Structures are given as C-alpha cells and as structure tokens.
Amino acid sequence: MPTVAAYIGAALAEIAGCFAFWAWLRMDKSPLWLVPGMLSLALFAYFLTLVESDAAGRAYAAYGGVYIAASILWLWVVEGSRPDRWDVTGAVICIVGSAIILFGPRSA
C-alpha cells in the first residue's frame, strides 16, 4: 500500500476513533460508541505499519502533519466549521514538514 494511502487511512481511522470517545464523553452519546471507536483506533495503528519507512519513529513523526491536516478537514466536513486562513496555513506547513521528514534524502 502506498505511503500516502496508508497515512490517509490512518488519519481517518484515528480521528473517527477519537471522535467516538469525544461523542461519548462530551456529547452524552451511548457508551456503545466506544466499540467502533476502539476498532477504529486499532485500524489506525495497523495502517501506520503499512507506511514505507525504515524506522517507526520517522513514520510516526511524519504522520503528525498528516493528522493535523486531516483534523482541519474533519473540522470542516464533519463538524461544519469552516477553517480560517490560519488553520489552512498551519496545515500546509505541517504537510511540508511531514514530506521533508519522510522523503528527505538520507545519508547511508
């Protein structure tokens, strides 16, 4: 699975899993929301193992920027709150940072 697809899957799974906990604790939803939430968080961890990287820490660090950008997209699409220019600027900076971490040339 290509790295970009793994990161997108991981981001969607993590945000959905965390949102299930948010819904339970902050929106007074049923504790049954935790079941798909925990499954989603397990799927998130699985997706991160599919990232093409020689080191787990590097894959996780680069994922941080993807998570931030996906969270801003979630804010807009799911929560209906349009991101402002600072949200978008910050997300773009994070994606650039992620690309540098993951795809930057390495010395042998």
Protein backbone atom coordinates (compact mmCIF):
# COMPACT_ATOMS: atom_id res chain seq x y z
CA MET A 1 0.00 0.00 0.00
CA PRO A 2 1.50 3.36 -0.91
CA THR A 3 2.55 5.62 1.93
CA VAL A 4 0.06 8.38 1.13
CA ALA A 5 -2.88 5.95 1.19
CA ALA A 6 -1.66 4.43 4.47
CA TYR A 7 -1.46 7.89 6.04
CA ILE A 8 -4.90 8.88 4.80
CA GLY A 9 -6.40 5.65 6.14
CA ALA A 10 -4.59 6.11 9.45
CA ALA A 11 -5.80 9.69 9.80
CA LEU A 12 -9.43 8.84 9.08
CA ALA A 13 -9.34 5.87 11.45
CA GLU A 14 -7.66 7.80 14.27
CA ILE A 15 -9.93 10.83 14.03
CA ALA A 16 -13.06 8.67 13.83
CA GLY A 17 -11.90 6.63 16.83
CA CYS A 18 -11.10 9.69 18.89
CA PHE A 19 -14.38 11.31 17.86
CA ALA A 20 -16.25 8.28 19.21
CA PHE A 21 -14.73 8.95 22.63
CA TRP A 22 -15.49 12.67 22.26
CA ALA A 23 -19.11 11.86 21.41
CA TRP A 24 -19.44 9.62 24.46
CA LEU A 25 -17.77 11.96 26.95
CA ARG A 26 -18.66 15.39 25.60
CA MET A 27 -21.88 14.87 23.65
CA ASP A 28 -23.57 12.40 26.04
CA LYS A 29 -23.76 9.63 23.46
CA SER A 30 -24.11 5.98 24.45
CA PRO A 31 -21.02 4.11 25.71
CA LEU A 32 -21.66 1.79 22.77
CA TRP A 33 -19.90 4.45 20.67
CA LEU A 34 -16.68 3.13 22.24
CA VAL A 35 -16.87 -0.21 20.41
CA PRO A 36 -16.43 1.19 16.88
CA GLY A 37 -14.13 3.82 18.36
CA MET A 38 -11.70 1.22 19.70
CA LEU A 39 -11.89 -0.81 16.49
CA SER A 40 -11.14 2.33 14.53
CA LEU A 41 -8.12 3.11 16.72
CA ALA A 42 -6.80 -0.42 16.18
CA LEU A 43 -7.21 0.06 12.43
CA PHE A 44 -5.27 3.33 12.76
CA ALA A 45 -2.32 1.50 14.33
CA TYR A 46 -2.44 -1.14 11.61
CA PHE A 47 -2.38 1.46 8.83
CA LEU A 48 0.74 3.06 10.31
CA THR A 49 2.57 -0.27 9.97
CA LEU A 50 1.97 -0.07 6.20
CA VAL A 51 3.94 3.17 5.79
CA GLU A 52 7.07 2.69 3.71
CA SER A 53 9.75 3.82 6.15
CA ASP A 54 12.87 2.25 7.58
CA ALA A 55 12.07 3.50 11.10
CA ALA A 56 8.83 3.56 13.07
CA GLY A 57 9.69 6.88 14.73
CA ARG A 58 10.16 8.58 11.37
CA ALA A 59 6.84 7.20 10.10
CA TYR A 60 5.08 8.43 13.26
CA ALA A 61 6.72 11.86 13.12
CA ALA A 62 5.72 12.37 9.50
CA TYR A 63 2.21 11.17 10.31
CA GLY A 64 1.80 14.05 12.78
CA GLY A 65 1.49 16.56 9.95
CA VAL A 66 -0.98 14.38 8.08
CA TYR A 67 -3.07 14.09 11.25
CA ILE A 68 -3.15 17.86 11.67
CA ALA A 69 -4.27 18.44 8.07
CA ALA A 70 -6.89 15.68 8.31
CA SER A 71 -8.18 17.16 11.57
CA ILE A 72 -8.70 20.53 9.89
CA LEU A 73 -10.58 18.75 7.09
CA TRP A 74 -12.69 16.90 9.71
CA LEU A 75 -13.45 20.24 11.36
CA TRP A 76 -14.88 21.46 8.07
CA VAL A 77 -16.60 18.37 6.63
CA VAL A 78 -17.93 16.66 9.77
CA GLU A 79 -18.30 19.49 12.26
CA GLY A 80 -19.37 22.10 9.73
CA SER A 81 -16.90 24.74 10.91
CA ARG A 82 -15.03 26.30 8.01
CA PRO A 83 -11.27 26.53 8.62
CA ASP A 84 -9.80 30.02 8.58
CA ARG A 85 -6.59 31.05 6.81
CA TRP A 86 -4.52 30.25 9.90
CA ASP A 87 -5.90 26.71 10.07
CA VAL A 88 -5.09 26.16 6.40
CA THR A 89 -1.67 27.80 6.61
CA GLY A 90 -0.73 25.71 9.64
CA ALA A 91 -1.91 22.50 7.96
CA VAL A 92 0.11 23.24 4.81
CA ILE A 93 3.24 23.91 6.88
CA CYS A 94 2.73 20.60 8.68
CA ILE A 95 2.32 18.66 5.43
CA VAL A 96 5.51 20.20 4.07
CA GLY A 97 7.29 19.23 7.29
CA SER A 98 5.96 15.68 7.02
CA ALA A 99 7.21 15.38 3.44
CA ILE A 100 10.66 16.59 4.47
CA ILE A 101 10.82 14.06 7.30
CA LEU A 102 9.61 11.12 5.25
CA PHE A 103 11.08 11.76 1.81
CA GLY A 104 14.21 13.81 2.55
CA PRO A 105 17.48 12.30 1.31
CA ARG A 106 19.25 10.16 3.90
CA SER A 107 22.94 9.55 4.18
CA ALA A 108 23.96 5.92 4.35
